Structure formats: C-alpha cells, structure tokens
Protein backbone atom coordinates (compact mmCIF):
# COMPACT_ATOMS: atom_id res chain seq x y z
CA UNK A 1 13.80 3.01 10.18
CA UNK A 2 12.34 5.41 12.80
CA UNK A 3 12.29 9.33 12.13
CA UNK A 4 12.26 9.84 15.79
CA UNK A 5 15.24 9.92 18.09
CA UNK A 6 14.26 10.14 21.85
CA UNK A 7 12.70 8.02 24.43
CA UNK A 8 8.90 8.56 25.17
CA UNK A 9 8.10 10.36 28.37
CA UNK A 10 5.17 9.26 30.61
CA UNK A 11 3.87 12.92 30.06
CA UNK A 12 3.44 12.42 26.16
CA UNK A 13 -0.23 13.02 25.54
CA UNK A 14 0.08 11.97 21.92
CA UNK A 15 0.70 8.59 22.85
CA UNK A 16 -3.10 7.59 23.20
CA UNK A 17 -3.88 9.80 20.23
CA UNK A 18 -1.69 7.90 18.03
CA UNK A 19 -2.61 4.53 19.61
CA UNK A 20 -6.25 5.09 18.75
CA UNK A 21 -5.34 6.48 15.18
CA UNK A 22 -3.44 3.34 14.29
CA UNK A 23 -6.42 1.11 14.63
CA UNK A 24 -8.70 3.61 12.66
CA UNK A 25 -5.98 4.10 10.00
CA UNK A 26 -5.84 0.25 9.48
CA UNK A 27 -9.62 -0.06 9.28
CA UNK A 28 -9.98 2.87 6.90
CA UNK A 29 -7.22 1.18 4.52
CA UNK A 30 -9.10 -2.10 4.72
CA UNK A 31 -12.57 -0.24 3.78
CA UNK A 32 -10.83 1.36 0.94
CA UNK A 33 -9.69 -1.99 -0.35
CA UNK A 34 -13.17 -3.39 -0.19
CA UNK A 35 -14.86 -0.67 -2.13
CA UNK A 36 -11.98 -1.00 -4.50
CA UNK A 37 -12.87 -4.68 -4.98
CA UNK A 38 -16.58 -3.84 -5.36
CA UNK A 39 -15.80 -1.43 -8.02
CA UNK A 40 -13.14 -3.83 -9.71
CA UNK A 41 -16.10 -6.46 -10.00
CA UNK A 42 -18.24 -3.82 -11.63
CA UNK A 43 -15.61 -3.11 -14.22
CA UNK A 44 -14.83 0.25 -12.81
CA UNK A 45 -10.94 -0.18 -12.98
CA UNK A 46 -9.76 3.46 -12.83
CA UNK A 47 -11.63 4.29 -9.62
CA UNK A 48 -10.88 0.81 -8.15
CA UNK A 49 -7.18 1.33 -8.87
CA UNK A 50 -7.15 4.83 -7.44
CA UNK A 51 -8.81 3.56 -3.84
CA UNK A 52 -6.27 0.61 -3.92
CA UNK A 53 -3.39 2.85 -4.46
CA UNK A 54 -4.79 5.07 -1.53
CA UNK A 55 -5.14 2.28 0.68
CA UNK A 56 -1.46 1.33 0.24
CA UNK A 57 -0.64 5.07 1.27
CA UNK A 58 -2.78 4.65 4.31
CA UNK A 59 -1.33 1.39 5.42
CA UNK A 60 2.07 2.93 4.87
CA UNK A 61 1.48 5.18 7.84
CA UNK A 62 1.26 2.54 10.31
CA UNK A 63 4.84 1.53 10.89
CA UNK A 64 5.89 5.21 11.62
CA UNK A 65 2.79 5.74 13.83
CA UNK A 66 3.69 2.82 15.89
CA UNK A 67 7.45 4.01 16.35
CA UNK A 68 6.03 7.49 17.34
CA UNK A 69 4.06 5.92 20.07
CA UNK A 70 7.29 4.39 21.38
CA UNK A 71 10.09 6.56 20.79
CA UNK A 72 8.53 9.90 19.72
CA UNK A 73 8.34 12.80 22.29
CA UNK A 74 5.63 15.42 22.46
CA UNK A 75 7.77 17.94 20.61
CA UNK A 76 8.46 15.67 17.70
CA UNK A 77 4.77 15.15 16.47
CA UNK A 78 5.29 17.40 13.62
CA UNK A 79 7.92 14.93 12.12
CA UNK A 80 5.22 12.44 12.13
CA UNK A 81 2.80 14.98 10.69
CA UNK A 82 4.76 15.77 7.77
CA UNK A 83 5.39 12.01 6.92
CA UNK A 84 1.78 11.43 6.99
CA UNK A 85 1.02 13.97 4.31
CA UNK A 86 3.66 12.96 1.84
CA UNK A 87 2.19 10.40 -0.92
CA UNK A 88 5.67 9.02 -1.86
CA UNK A 89 7.06 8.61 1.70
CA UNK A 90 4.13 6.64 2.70
CA UNK A 91 4.35 4.43 -0.27
CA UNK A 92 8.21 3.89 0.21
CA UNK A 93 7.53 2.85 3.94
CA UNK A 94 4.75 0.62 2.85
CA UNK A 95 7.06 -1.27 0.51
CA UNK A 96 10.15 -1.48 2.47
CA UNK A 97 8.30 -2.50 5.67
CA UNK A 98 5.79 -4.92 4.01
CA UNK A 99 7.15 -6.31 0.69
CA UNK A 100 10.95 -5.81 0.69
CA UNK A 101 11.49 -9.22 2.64
CA UNK A 102 8.05 -11.00 2.38
CA UNK A 103 8.53 -14.69 1.26
CA UNK A 104 4.98 -15.48 1.62
CA UNK A 105 3.88 -12.53 -0.71
CA UNK A 106 6.73 -13.65 -3.24
CA UNK A 107 5.25 -17.15 -3.27
CA UNK A 108 1.64 -15.97 -3.82
CA UNK A 109 2.44 -13.81 -6.73
CA UNK A 110 5.56 -15.11 -8.15
CA UNK A 111 7.99 -13.63 -10.67
CA UNK A 112 7.53 -11.88 -13.95
CA UNK A 113 7.47 -14.23 -16.96
CA UNK A 114 10.43 -12.74 -18.69
CA UNK A 115 12.81 -10.72 -16.28
CA UNK A 116 12.09 -12.99 -13.43
CA UNK A 117 11.70 -10.10 -11.03
CA UNK A 118 9.40 -10.86 -8.04
CA UNK A 119 6.09 -8.84 -9.01
CA UNK A 120 5.84 -7.61 -5.45
CA UNK A 121 8.87 -5.37 -6.25
CA UNK A 122 6.69 -3.21 -8.68
CA UNK A 123 5.88 -1.26 -5.54
CA UNK A 124 9.37 -0.28 -4.78
CA UNK A 125 10.10 0.45 -8.36
CA UNK A 126 7.06 2.94 -8.40
CA UNK A 127 8.01 4.58 -5.18
CA UNK A 128 11.44 5.23 -6.31
CA UNK A 129 10.21 6.69 -9.49
CA UNK A 130 7.78 9.45 -10.68
CA UNK A 131 5.52 6.85 -11.87
CA UNK A 132 3.46 6.30 -8.69
CA UNK A 133 1.98 9.73 -8.94
CA UNK A 134 1.54 9.58 -12.79
CA UNK A 135 -0.52 6.20 -12.37
CA UNK A 136 -2.34 7.76 -9.38
CA UNK A 137 -3.44 10.85 -11.34
CA UNK A 138 -4.33 8.87 -14.55
CA UNK A 139 -6.99 7.05 -12.58
CA UNK A 140 -8.78 10.36 -12.20
CA UNK A 141 -7.82 13.10 -14.70
CA UNK A 142 -8.00 13.39 -18.34
CA UNK A 143 -4.58 14.12 -20.21
CA UNK A 144 -4.14 16.32 -22.89
CA UNK A 145 -1.13 15.52 -25.01
CA UNK A 146 -0.37 18.74 -27.07
CA UNK A 147 2.37 17.67 -29.24
CA UNK A 148 0.48 14.56 -30.52
CA UNK A 149 -2.83 16.45 -30.30
CA UNK A 150 -4.38 13.43 -28.18
CA UNK A 151 -6.88 13.48 -25.22
CA UNK A 152 -6.51 10.52 -23.06
CA UNK A 153 -9.21 9.83 -20.69
CA UNK A 154 -8.62 7.59 -17.44
CA UNK A 155 -9.83 4.35 -19.06
CA UNK A 156 -7.29 4.33 -21.61
CA UNK A 157 -4.45 4.59 -19.20
CA UNK A 158 -5.65 2.32 -16.60
CA UNK A 159 -6.28 -1.46 -17.14
CA UNK A 160 -7.93 -4.34 -15.17
CA UNK A 161 -4.50 -5.37 -14.62
CA UNK A 162 -3.52 -2.03 -12.89
CA UNK A 163 -6.56 -2.50 -10.52
CA UNK A 164 -5.89 -6.18 -9.69
CA UNK A 165 -2.27 -5.69 -9.07
CA UNK A 166 -2.83 -2.76 -6.60
CA UNK A 167 -5.62 -4.44 -4.87
CA UNK A 168 -3.39 -7.47 -4.24
CA UNK A 169 -0.41 -5.19 -3.15
CA UNK A 170 -2.71 -3.52 -0.79
CA UNK A 171 -3.82 -6.55 1.07
CA UNK A 172 -0.27 -7.82 1.40
CA UNK A 173 0.95 -4.50 2.76
CA UNK A 174 -2.05 -4.01 5.22
CA UNK A 175 -1.69 -7.87 6.28
CA UNK A 176 1.82 -7.31 7.00
CA UNK A 177 1.21 -3.92 8.83
CA UNK A 178 -1.40 -5.66 11.43
CA UNK A 179 0.98 -5.70 14.26
CA UNK A 180 1.69 -2.07 13.65
CA UNK A 181 -1.83 -1.37 13.62
CA UNK A 182 -3.02 -3.63 16.75
CA UNK A 183 -0.11 -5.34 18.33
CA UNK A 184 2.41 -3.82 20.71
CA UNK A 185 5.13 -6.41 20.33
CA UNK A 186 5.89 -9.55 18.26
CA UNK A 187 5.41 -11.74 21.52
CA UNK A 188 1.66 -10.70 21.77
CA UNK A 189 0.88 -11.00 18.19
CA UNK A 190 -0.49 -14.61 18.25
CA UNK A 191 -3.16 -13.81 20.87
CA UNK A 192 -3.88 -10.37 19.77
CA UNK A 193 -6.27 -8.75 17.43
CA UNK A 194 -3.46 -8.05 14.99
CA UNK A 195 -3.34 -11.93 14.05
CA UNK A 196 -7.09 -11.89 13.35
CA UNK A 197 -6.70 -8.80 11.25
CA UNK A 198 -3.73 -10.30 9.40
CA UNK A 199 -5.64 -13.49 8.71
CA UNK A 200 -8.71 -11.52 7.72
CA UNK A 201 -6.66 -9.74 5.07
CA UNK A 202 -5.13 -12.71 3.71
CA UNK A 203 -8.32 -14.63 3.19
CA UNK A 204 -9.85 -11.52 1.40
CA UNK A 205 -6.66 -11.70 -0.82
CA UNK A 206 -6.83 -15.48 -1.48
CA UNK A 207 -10.38 -15.38 -2.37
CA UNK A 208 -9.88 -12.34 -4.67
CA UNK A 209 -6.90 -14.00 -6.34
CA UNK A 210 -8.77 -17.36 -6.77
CA UNK A 211 -11.66 -15.54 -8.43
CA UNK A 212 -9.77 -13.12 -10.78
CA UNK A 213 -6.08 -14.06 -11.19
CA UNK A 214 -6.78 -16.28 -14.27
CA UNK A 215 -8.49 -13.32 -16.11
CA UNK A 216 -5.63 -10.87 -16.00
CA UNK A 217 -1.72 -10.79 -16.92
CA UNK A 218 0.08 -8.33 -14.72
CA UNK A 219 3.18 -9.07 -16.50
CA UNK A 220 2.12 -6.66 -19.22
CA UNK A 221 2.21 -3.61 -16.90
CA UNK A 222 5.02 -1.42 -18.08
CA UNK A 223 6.75 -1.00 -14.49
CA UNK A 224 6.74 -4.75 -14.02
CA UNK A 225 8.03 -5.63 -17.53
CA UNK A 226 10.44 -2.86 -17.91
CA UNK A 227 11.46 -1.86 -14.30
CA UNK A 228 15.00 -0.51 -15.59
CA UNK A 229 13.06 2.24 -17.18
CA UNK A 230 11.75 3.42 -14.07
CA UNK A 231 14.72 3.23 -11.53
C-alpha cells in the first residue's frame, strides 16, 4: 500500500532522482548478496548472514520508491525518507510485496517438515516480531548474559542455516522487485531490463541452492520451527 496520497505533478523534481535511485538500490542489493555468497562459501556465516539481511532491507525500499515516483509530490518526500531509514518497515514491505503471494518461491523452498508452514513465511514472522533485529545484531555483536554469566559471540548465534536462508530469501525478494527497480508497468516487463534482472537473480538463486541445499537444514531454525513463539 502506498504511503502517498496525491497525484504526481509535472513540476516534481524528485521523480528523476527517485527513478535513478531505484536502479542503484537494486544493484546495491544484488552486490550485497554476491558478497554474502562469497563469505558463505568461505564459512564466514555471521557476516554473510548480516549482508543478506541488509540486502533484504535494501530491496524492501524499491516498491515504495516506485510508488513515490508515480503518486508522490514534492512535499511528500519526507514520508519516503522516514520509510527508507526504518529497518523493520523495509523488511515488512519486502516480505509482503515479494513473498506473501509467491507460488514460485513457495515451490522452490517448500514447507517446514513438521509444521508444514511455507518456509518463505519466515521473513514475515521475523518482521512482525523483534527477532529480526536480534538476529541482525547477533551477526555482529558479542552478547553478555549476566544472569547466566555467559558471553556469546556471533559464531555461536549464527549458523550456516541462517546465512543460507537469508541469501535465498534476499534473491527471491530482489527478483520479485525487479519491476519496481527497472520497469514502469507490467505491460513493458517482458521487454525491459527488469525481466533480465529478474532472470539473473533467479539463476544465481538456482545455482546457489543446487550447490548448497543438501548441506543445510533450515527447518531447525527456531523462527521456522516454532513460528508461534514469535507472533
């Protein structure tokens, strides 16, 4: 749903700025994912996970940026600016716009082996709870548990499964947002750069899954195994 209420005027000087920003945002998200995959393949799962989660947030900007370029007015840019700086809002937007109804992604990743929830739903579960930021921070920071007198480093919180899952979801989200990045309408999608970008993301995703899916078990991730605890 758009956060903007008015039709764009011809005098709106923000349009060209946002149009260019959409492409750069998509390309940056893809670059973050590629770096995340390299780190994953070097067994550096904590930073790999962090970059993949950041790529999801980056891709979550695209739909609202496109809507601003259509509906927003010069005096509404602060609404977009506020949205772009909110971690959770961007994740919610990414999940709702790209994964909520995405039968292709659901087929690729399937359901949880026990609760039968579509695995793609995990991003929505995290976005609606405080767990997104907990996982994001666990990728980087040492955590001191004073009551139990424990010190937990990122490698003890973030697993190979975490990094794998978020890389896959980042590619699914970015592929689905290709039109928001490059296309101006559904009608021009098949002949636009958006179609090429979508296929490029899916090809990377398929190659990554083919190489690594048999070495991980994402069903053990707590937010997928016990989603009711996070809602």
